[in-house]
């Protein structure tokens, strides 16, 4: 088995992640702020070519929709686990690191069991689970959400 750690994006603690800790970690996410994502990464020093630094799995929790699981590998494209290959129109509000807001298809938000399967497979093999549906980051419909600035009152 490979060694992985996980860290809350806004946190300072990095914890060892073993398969037996995955269900508790996923359940704990449901008690945190929507924007408080976790990063799962190898417990290894990266080599000069980036090996040992990847794969990275970013996990987010959206109470009304499920888990968002984004896998980044050495390849040029990263992928999101999805509930299926056919995607609906963008409808779920996502804030991208405080830099932008978009709407994404609801199929990019998966139930507990799917998120658990994706994480466990990654921990055991260091790769995305080929039995799950994965969508490349540039292959799903999205819509930018712009907020209008209000004019200052006199």
Protein backbone atom coordinates (compact mmCIF):
# COMPACT_ATOMS: atom_id res chain seq x y z
CA UNK A 1 0.00 0.00 0.00
CA UNK A 2 1.15 3.51 -0.82
CA UNK A 3 1.47 6.20 1.86
CA UNK A 4 -0.77 9.27 1.66
CA UNK A 5 -1.49 12.27 3.86
CA UNK A 6 -4.42 14.65 3.95
CA UNK A 7 -4.61 18.31 4.82
CA UNK A 8 -7.46 20.78 5.09
CA UNK A 9 -6.85 23.54 2.57
CA UNK A 10 -7.16 26.19 5.28
CA UNK A 11 -5.45 24.06 7.91
CA UNK A 12 -1.93 23.61 9.12
CA UNK A 13 -2.09 19.99 10.21
CA UNK A 14 -1.20 17.16 7.88
CA UNK A 15 -2.44 13.73 8.94
CA UNK A 16 -1.61 10.22 7.75
CA UNK A 17 -4.43 8.68 5.76
CA UNK A 18 -5.04 4.94 5.85
CA UNK A 19 -8.02 3.07 4.36
CA UNK A 20 -9.62 2.55 7.77
CA UNK A 21 -9.68 6.34 8.34
CA UNK A 22 -11.41 7.19 5.03
CA UNK A 23 -15.07 6.74 6.13
CA UNK A 24 -14.55 8.91 9.23
CA UNK A 25 -12.72 11.58 7.23
CA UNK A 26 -15.56 11.75 4.69
CA UNK A 27 -18.22 11.92 7.42
CA UNK A 28 -16.27 14.66 9.23
CA UNK A 29 -16.31 16.74 6.04
CA UNK A 30 -20.10 16.90 6.30
CA UNK A 31 -19.75 18.88 9.54
CA UNK A 32 -17.44 21.52 8.06
CA UNK A 33 -17.91 24.58 5.93
CA UNK A 34 -18.65 23.88 2.27
CA UNK A 35 -15.48 25.70 1.22
CA UNK A 36 -13.15 23.79 3.55
CA UNK A 37 -11.67 21.23 1.16
CA UNK A 38 -9.23 18.43 1.85
CA UNK A 39 -6.14 17.64 -0.17
CA UNK A 40 -4.92 14.02 -0.29
CA UNK A 41 -1.33 13.76 -1.46
CA UNK A 42 1.53 11.24 -1.41
CA UNK A 43 3.73 11.06 1.67
CA UNK A 44 6.90 11.38 -0.38
CA UNK A 45 9.34 14.04 -1.43
CA UNK A 46 8.83 14.94 -5.08
CA UNK A 47 11.59 14.08 -7.51
CA UNK A 48 12.95 16.49 -10.12
CA UNK A 49 10.40 15.32 -12.70
CA UNK A 50 7.43 15.68 -10.31
CA UNK A 51 7.21 11.98 -9.48
CA UNK A 52 6.21 11.40 -5.90
CA UNK A 53 4.21 14.63 -5.86
CA UNK A 54 1.22 13.13 -7.69
CA UNK A 55 -1.51 11.98 -7.68
CA UNK A 56 -3.35 14.57 -5.64
CA UNK A 57 -7.03 14.25 -4.84
CA UNK A 58 -8.93 17.35 -3.78
CA UNK A 59 -12.20 16.67 -1.97
CA UNK A 60 -15.01 19.11 -1.28
CA UNK A 61 -18.41 18.69 0.38
CA UNK A 62 -21.60 20.37 -0.91
CA UNK A 63 -24.48 19.62 1.51
CA UNK A 64 -27.28 19.54 -1.05
CA UNK A 65 -25.31 17.72 -3.75
CA UNK A 66 -22.50 15.49 -2.40
CA UNK A 67 -18.74 15.25 -2.70
CA UNK A 68 -16.63 16.84 -5.40
CA UNK A 69 -13.49 14.77 -6.06
CA UNK A 70 -10.83 16.25 -8.34
CA UNK A 71 -7.83 14.06 -9.20
CA UNK A 72 -4.62 15.65 -10.49
CA UNK A 73 -1.97 13.36 -11.95
CA UNK A 74 1.29 13.81 -13.86
CA UNK A 75 -0.72 13.90 -17.11
CA UNK A 76 -1.70 17.24 -18.60
CA UNK A 77 -5.39 16.91 -17.68
CA UNK A 78 -6.98 16.46 -14.30
CA UNK A 79 -10.32 14.72 -13.82
CA UNK A 80 -13.44 14.83 -11.67
CA UNK A 81 -15.29 11.72 -10.59
CA UNK A 82 -18.91 11.84 -11.81
CA UNK A 83 -22.13 9.93 -11.28
CA UNK A 84 -22.23 9.21 -15.02
CA UNK A 85 -20.86 10.13 -18.42
CA UNK A 86 -23.89 12.20 -19.46
CA UNK A 87 -23.82 15.65 -17.85
CA UNK A 88 -26.69 18.06 -17.30
CA UNK A 89 -26.65 21.82 -17.69
CA UNK A 90 -24.54 23.70 -15.11
CA UNK A 91 -26.61 24.28 -11.97
CA UNK A 92 -24.45 23.88 -8.83
CA UNK A 93 -22.70 27.01 -7.52
CA UNK A 94 -18.96 26.50 -7.00
CA UNK A 95 -16.51 29.06 -5.69
CA UNK A 96 -13.04 28.58 -7.13
CA UNK A 97 -10.62 29.47 -4.36
CA UNK A 98 -12.26 32.84 -3.84
CA UNK A 99 -11.15 33.89 -7.33
CA UNK A 100 -14.24 33.08 -9.35
CA UNK A 101 -17.67 31.58 -9.24
CA UNK A 102 -19.13 29.05 -11.65
CA UNK A 103 -22.07 26.74 -12.08
CA UNK A 104 -21.21 23.06 -12.67
CA UNK A 105 -23.31 20.01 -13.64
CA UNK A 106 -24.78 18.17 -10.65
CA UNK A 107 -23.23 14.88 -11.85
CA UNK A 108 -19.82 16.16 -10.68
CA UNK A 109 -21.04 15.80 -7.08
CA UNK A 110 -21.09 12.20 -5.93
CA UNK A 111 -22.54 10.29 -2.97
CA UNK A 112 -20.53 9.05 0.01
CA UNK A 113 -20.00 5.53 -1.41
CA UNK A 114 -18.56 6.84 -4.69
CA UNK A 115 -16.23 9.29 -2.94
CA UNK A 116 -15.12 6.53 -0.58
CA UNK A 117 -14.43 4.16 -3.51
CA UNK A 118 -12.38 6.84 -5.33
CA UNK A 119 -10.26 7.58 -2.24
CA UNK A 120 -9.71 3.93 -1.30
CA UNK A 121 -8.63 2.99 -4.83
CA UNK A 122 -6.21 5.92 -4.89
CA UNK A 123 -4.71 4.87 -1.54
CA UNK A 124 -4.26 1.28 -2.71
CA UNK A 125 -2.97 1.89 -6.26
CA UNK A 126 -1.94 5.53 -6.61
CA UNK A 127 -4.32 5.85 -9.57
CA UNK A 128 -7.88 6.82 -10.46
CA UNK A 129 -10.38 3.97 -10.19
CA UNK A 130 -11.14 2.96 -13.81
CA UNK A 131 -14.52 1.51 -12.78
CA UNK A 132 -15.77 5.02 -11.92
CA UNK A 133 -16.85 7.69 -14.40
CA UNK A 134 -14.25 10.46 -14.72
CA UNK A 135 -14.65 13.74 -16.58
CA UNK A 136 -11.66 15.81 -17.70
CA UNK A 137 -11.48 19.32 -16.28
CA UNK A 138 -11.94 20.87 -19.71
CA UNK A 139 -14.71 18.48 -20.83
CA UNK A 140 -17.76 19.57 -18.86
CA UNK A 141 -20.14 22.47 -19.35
CA UNK A 142 -19.75 25.34 -16.92
CA UNK A 143 -21.11 28.81 -16.60
CA UNK A 144 -19.36 31.83 -15.12
CA UNK A 145 -21.35 33.63 -12.45
CA UNK A 146 -20.77 37.34 -12.23
CA UNK A 147 -22.03 39.44 -9.40
CA UNK A 148 -22.89 43.05 -10.09
CA UNK A 149 -21.37 45.71 -7.92
CA UNK A 150 -23.91 48.01 -6.40
CA UNK A 151 -23.51 51.69 -6.94
CA UNK A 152 -22.55 53.59 -3.81
CA UNK A 153 -25.44 55.45 -2.23
CA UNK A 154 -25.04 59.25 -2.02
